C-alpha cells in the first residue's frame, strides 16, 4: 500500500470511489459536490484531497491549498483500523464523541442527520481500504 493520503494513494482512492455505486452512485442521486481533505490531527493542513462533482471523484491527490468543504482528521492507526473494519453509524458517532475523528471543516451533525449522506460516508471507509 502506498503512504496514506499520498498522491498515489489519493489517485487509487479516487478510482475506488468511482467504482463503488453505493458511494458515487448514491451521492450522484443527491447532486453531491464537495472538496474533501483527509489527514492527521496534528498536521496544520490535510495530506490528501478528493474533489467530488455530482457524486464522482474528478480529482484526487496531495493537498495543495484547495478550499475544503470537509476536512477529516484521525490518527494514522485509526484510519488503518477503519480501512480494515469500517465503523458503523454507532461506531462513527462514538469516534466523533471521543475525538477519534475530527472534522476541522464540515458539519458532522448535519451529515449524520441526512441518511443520503451518512450511508455513503460510512461506505467511504471500506472503499478507502481497497486502495
C-alpha atoms as a PDB file:
ATOM      1  CA  UNK A   1       0.000   0.000   0.000  1.00  0.00           C
ATOM      2  CA  UNK A   2       1.233   3.480  -0.782  1.00  0.00           C
ATOM      3  CA  UNK A   3       1.657   6.036   2.003  1.00  0.00           C
ATOM      4  CA  UNK A   4      -1.692   7.041   3.477  1.00  0.00           C
ATOM      5  CA  UNK A   5      -3.110  10.123   1.708  1.00  0.00           C
ATOM      6  CA  UNK A   6      -0.130  10.481  -0.634  1.00  0.00           C
ATOM      7  CA  UNK A   7      -0.662  11.490  -4.271  1.00  0.00           C
ATOM      8  CA  UNK A   8      -0.575   7.815  -5.291  1.00  0.00           C
ATOM      9  CA  UNK A   9      -2.959   6.765  -2.516  1.00  0.00           C
ATOM     10  CA  UNK A  10      -5.459   9.507  -3.364  1.00  0.00           C
ATOM     11  CA  UNK A  11      -5.400   8.566  -7.057  1.00  0.00           C
ATOM     12  CA  UNK A  12      -6.267   4.990  -6.066  1.00  0.00           C
ATOM     13  CA  UNK A  13      -8.949   6.214  -3.668  1.00  0.00           C
ATOM     14  CA  UNK A  14     -10.463   8.333  -6.440  1.00  0.00           C
ATOM     15  CA  UNK A  15     -10.710   5.286  -8.729  1.00  0.00           C
ATOM     16  CA  UNK A  16     -12.124   3.054  -5.972  1.00  0.00           C
ATOM     17  CA  UNK A  17     -14.657   5.802  -5.078  1.00  0.00           C
ATOM     18  CA  UNK A  18     -15.911   5.953  -8.649  1.00  0.00           C
ATOM     19  CA  UNK A  19     -16.068   2.152  -8.915  1.00  0.00           C
ATOM     20  CA  UNK A  20     -18.431   1.873  -5.915  1.00  0.00           C
ATOM     21  CA  UNK A  21     -22.078   2.560  -6.810  1.00  0.00           C
ATOM     22  CA  UNK A  22     -23.116   2.697  -3.123  1.00  0.00           C
ATOM     23  CA  UNK A  23     -20.797   5.688  -2.825  1.00  0.00           C
ATOM     24  CA  UNK A  24     -20.527   7.567  -6.119  1.00  0.00           C
ATOM     25  CA  UNK A  25     -23.942   6.493  -7.376  1.00  0.00           C
ATOM     26  CA  UNK A  26     -25.728   7.313  -4.132  1.00  0.00           C
ATOM     27  CA  UNK A  27     -24.069  10.735  -3.968  1.00  0.00           C
ATOM     28  CA  UNK A  28     -24.836  11.415  -7.642  1.00  0.00           C
ATOM     29  CA  UNK A  29     -28.541  10.946  -6.840  1.00  0.00           C
ATOM     30  CA  UNK A  30     -28.406  13.939  -4.480  1.00  0.00           C
ATOM     31  CA  UNK A  31     -26.083  16.044  -6.658  1.00  0.00           C
ATOM     32  CA  UNK A  32     -23.285  15.949  -4.073  1.00  0.00           C
ATOM     33  CA  UNK A  33     -20.367  18.285  -4.805  1.00  0.00           C
ATOM     34  CA  UNK A  34     -17.530  18.704  -2.356  1.00  0.00           C
ATOM     35  CA  UNK A  35     -13.819  19.096  -1.779  1.00  0.00           C
ATOM     36  CA  UNK A  36     -12.757  16.680   0.966  1.00  0.00           C
ATOM     37  CA  UNK A  37      -9.443  16.789   2.785  1.00  0.00           C
ATOM     38  CA  UNK A  38      -8.002  13.831   4.690  1.00  0.00           C
ATOM     39  CA  UNK A  39      -5.203  13.858   7.207  1.00  0.00           C
ATOM     40  CA  UNK A  40      -3.915  13.587  10.737  1.00  0.00           C
ATOM     41  CA  UNK A  41      -4.940  15.658  13.776  1.00  0.00           C
ATOM     42  CA  UNK A  42      -1.586  17.306  14.482  1.00  0.00           C
ATOM     43  CA  UNK A  43      -0.905  18.388  10.903  1.00  0.00           C
ATOM     44  CA  UNK A  44      -1.557  22.002  10.013  1.00  0.00           C
ATOM     45  CA  UNK A  45      -3.246  21.008   6.757  1.00  0.00           C
ATOM     46  CA  UNK A  46      -4.659  17.793   5.318  1.00  0.00           C
ATOM     47  CA  UNK A  47      -2.378  15.450   3.398  1.00  0.00           C
ATOM     48  CA  UNK A  48      -4.736  14.367   0.636  1.00  0.00           C
ATOM     49  CA  UNK A  49      -7.781  15.768  -1.107  1.00  0.00           C
ATOM     50  CA  UNK A  50     -10.629  14.477  -3.279  1.00  0.00           C
ATOM     51  CA  UNK A  51     -12.799  16.722  -5.409  1.00  0.00           C
ATOM     52  CA  UNK A  52     -16.297  15.338  -5.929  1.00  0.00           C
ATOM     53  CA  UNK A  53     -18.661  16.565  -8.642  1.00  0.00           C
ATOM     54  CA  UNK A  54     -22.153  15.118  -8.828  1.00  0.00           C
ATOM     55  CA  UNK A  55     -21.063  12.150  -6.696  1.00  0.00           C
ATOM     56  CA  UNK A  56     -17.999  11.252  -8.799  1.00  0.00           C
ATOM     57  CA  UNK A  57     -14.413  11.882  -7.765  1.00  0.00           C
ATOM     58  CA  UNK A  58     -12.969  14.067 -10.520  1.00  0.00           C
ATOM     59  CA  UNK A  59      -9.557  14.610  -8.968  1.00  0.00           C
ATOM     60  CA  UNK A  60      -7.510  13.184  -6.146  1.00  0.00           C
ATOM     61  CA  UNK A  61      -4.044  13.935  -4.930  1.00  0.00           C
ATOM     62  CA  UNK A  62      -1.874  15.674  -2.391  1.00  0.00           C
ATOM     63  CA  UNK A  63      -3.437  18.712  -0.756  1.00  0.00           C
ATOM     64  CA  UNK A  64      -2.263  21.930  -2.381  1.00  0.00           C
ATOM     65  CA  UNK A  65      -4.303  24.698  -0.809  1.00  0.00           C
ATOM     66  CA  UNK A  66      -7.774  23.888  -2.109  1.00  0.00           C
ATOM     67  CA  UNK A  67     -10.731  25.412  -0.254  1.00  0.00           C
ATOM     68  CA  UNK A  68     -12.292  22.498   1.614  1.00  0.00           C
ATOM     69  CA  UNK A  69     -15.919  21.670   2.334  1.00  0.00           C
ATOM     70  CA  UNK A  70     -14.809  18.837   4.619  1.00  0.00           C
ATOM     71  CA  UNK A  71     -11.520  18.253   6.437  1.00  0.00           C
ATOM     72  CA  UNK A  72     -11.426  14.884   8.191  1.00  0.00           C
ATOM     73  CA  UNK A  73      -8.689  14.046  10.655  1.00  0.00           C
ATOM     74  CA  UNK A  74      -7.804  10.926  12.614  1.00  0.00           C
ATOM     75  CA  UNK A  75      -4.615   9.278  13.765  1.00  0.00           C
ATOM     76  CA  UNK A  76      -2.951   7.051  11.190  1.00  0.00           C
ATOM     77  CA  UNK A  77      -3.590   3.922  13.267  1.00  0.00           C
ATOM     78  CA  UNK A  78      -7.279   4.824  13.451  1.00  0.00           C
ATOM     79  CA  UNK A  79      -7.580   5.338   9.691  1.00  0.00           C
ATOM     80  CA  UNK A  80      -5.929   1.958   9.101  1.00  0.00           C
ATOM     81  CA  UNK A  81      -8.216   0.276  11.627  1.00  0.00           C
ATOM     82  CA  UNK A  82     -11.284   1.693   9.869  1.00  0.00           C
ATOM     83  CA  UNK A  83      -9.923   0.669   6.487  1.00  0.00           C
ATOM     84  CA  UNK A  84      -9.760  -2.955   7.702  1.00  0.00           C
ATOM     85  CA  UNK A  85     -13.065  -2.838   9.589  1.00  0.00           C
ATOM     86  CA  UNK A  86     -15.218   0.179   8.690  1.00  0.00           C
ATOM     87  CA  UNK A  87     -17.239   1.713  11.512  1.00  0.00           C
ATOM     88  CA  UNK A  88     -21.000   1.580  11.540  1.00  0.00           C
ATOM     89  CA  UNK A  89     -23.124   4.586  12.437  1.00  0.00           C
ATOM     90  CA  UNK A  90     -22.811   3.922  16.172  1.00  0.00           C
ATOM     91  CA  UNK A  91     -19.052   3.397  15.923  1.00  0.00           C
ATOM     92  CA  UNK A  92     -18.630   6.584  13.951  1.00  0.00           C
ATOM     93  CA  UNK A  93     -20.735   8.515  16.438  1.00  0.00           C
ATOM     94  CA  UNK A  94     -18.599   7.183  19.281  1.00  0.00           C
ATOM     95  CA  UNK A  95     -15.408   8.052  17.373  1.00  0.00           C
ATOM     96  CA  UNK A  96     -16.657  11.615  16.924  1.00  0.00           C
ATOM     97  CA  UNK A  97     -17.723  11.925  20.565  1.00  0.00           C
ATOM     98  CA  UNK A  98     -14.386  10.612  21.849  1.00  0.00           C
ATOM     99  CA  UNK A  99     -12.323  12.675  19.401  1.00  0.00           C
ATOM    100  CA  UNK A 100     -11.003   9.743  17.361  1.00  0.00           C
ATOM    101  CA  UNK A 101     -12.236  11.534  14.258  1.00  0.00           C
ATOM    102  CA  UNK A 102     -12.246  15.296  13.955  1.00  0.00           C
ATOM    103  CA  UNK A 103     -13.983  17.471  11.424  1.00  0.00           C
ATOM    104  CA  UNK A 104     -11.819  20.572  11.071  1.00  0.00           C
ATOM    105  CA  UNK A 105     -14.211  21.724   8.342  1.00  0.00           C
ATOM    106  CA  UNK A 106     -17.729  20.397   7.741  1.00  0.00           C
ATOM    107  CA  UNK A 107     -20.906  19.863   9.722  1.00  0.00           C
ATOM    108  CA  UNK A 108     -20.778  16.346  11.140  1.00  0.00           C
ATOM    109  CA  UNK A 109     -24.197  16.583  12.805  1.00  0.00           C
ATOM    110  CA  UNK A 110     -25.958  17.743   9.637  1.00  0.00           C
ATOM    111  CA  UNK A 111     -24.331  14.967   7.611  1.00  0.00           C
ATOM    112  CA  UNK A 112     -25.396  12.273  10.073  1.00  0.00           C
ATOM    113  CA  UNK A 113     -28.980  13.548  10.096  1.00  0.00           C
ATOM    114  CA  UNK A 114     -29.199  13.069   6.325  1.00  0.00           C
ATOM    115  CA  UNK A 115     -29.169   9.327   5.548  1.00  0.00           C
ATOM    116  CA  UNK A 116     -28.493  10.130   1.891  1.00  0.00           C
ATOM    117  CA  UNK A 117     -25.084  11.408   3.022  1.00  0.00           C
ATOM    118  CA  UNK A 118     -24.445   9.302   6.130  1.00  0.00           C
ATOM    119  CA  UNK A 119     -24.643   5.939   4.332  1.00  0.00           C
ATOM    120  CA  UNK A 120     -22.138   6.877   1.635  1.00  0.00           C
ATOM    121  CA  UNK A 121     -19.854   8.444   4.253  1.00  0.00           C
ATOM    122  CA  UNK A 122     -19.728   5.132   6.124  1.00  0.00           C
ATOM    123  CA  UNK A 123     -19.147   3.343   2.807  1.00  0.00           C
ATOM    124  CA  UNK A 124     -16.151   5.576   2.048  1.00  0.00           C
ATOM    125  CA  UNK A 125     -14.141   3.850   4.806  1.00  0.00           C
ATOM    126  CA  UNK A 126     -14.442   0.408   3.189  1.00  0.00           C
ATOM    127  CA  UNK A 127     -13.694   1.942  -0.221  1.00  0.00           C
ATOM    128  CA  UNK A 128     -10.558   3.557   1.241  1.00  0.00           C
ATOM    129  CA  UNK A 129      -9.498   0.096   2.397  1.00  0.00           C
ATOM    130  CA  UNK A 130      -9.447  -1.128  -1.221  1.00  0.00           C
ATOM    131  CA  UNK A 131      -6.579   1.180  -2.128  1.00  0.00           C
END
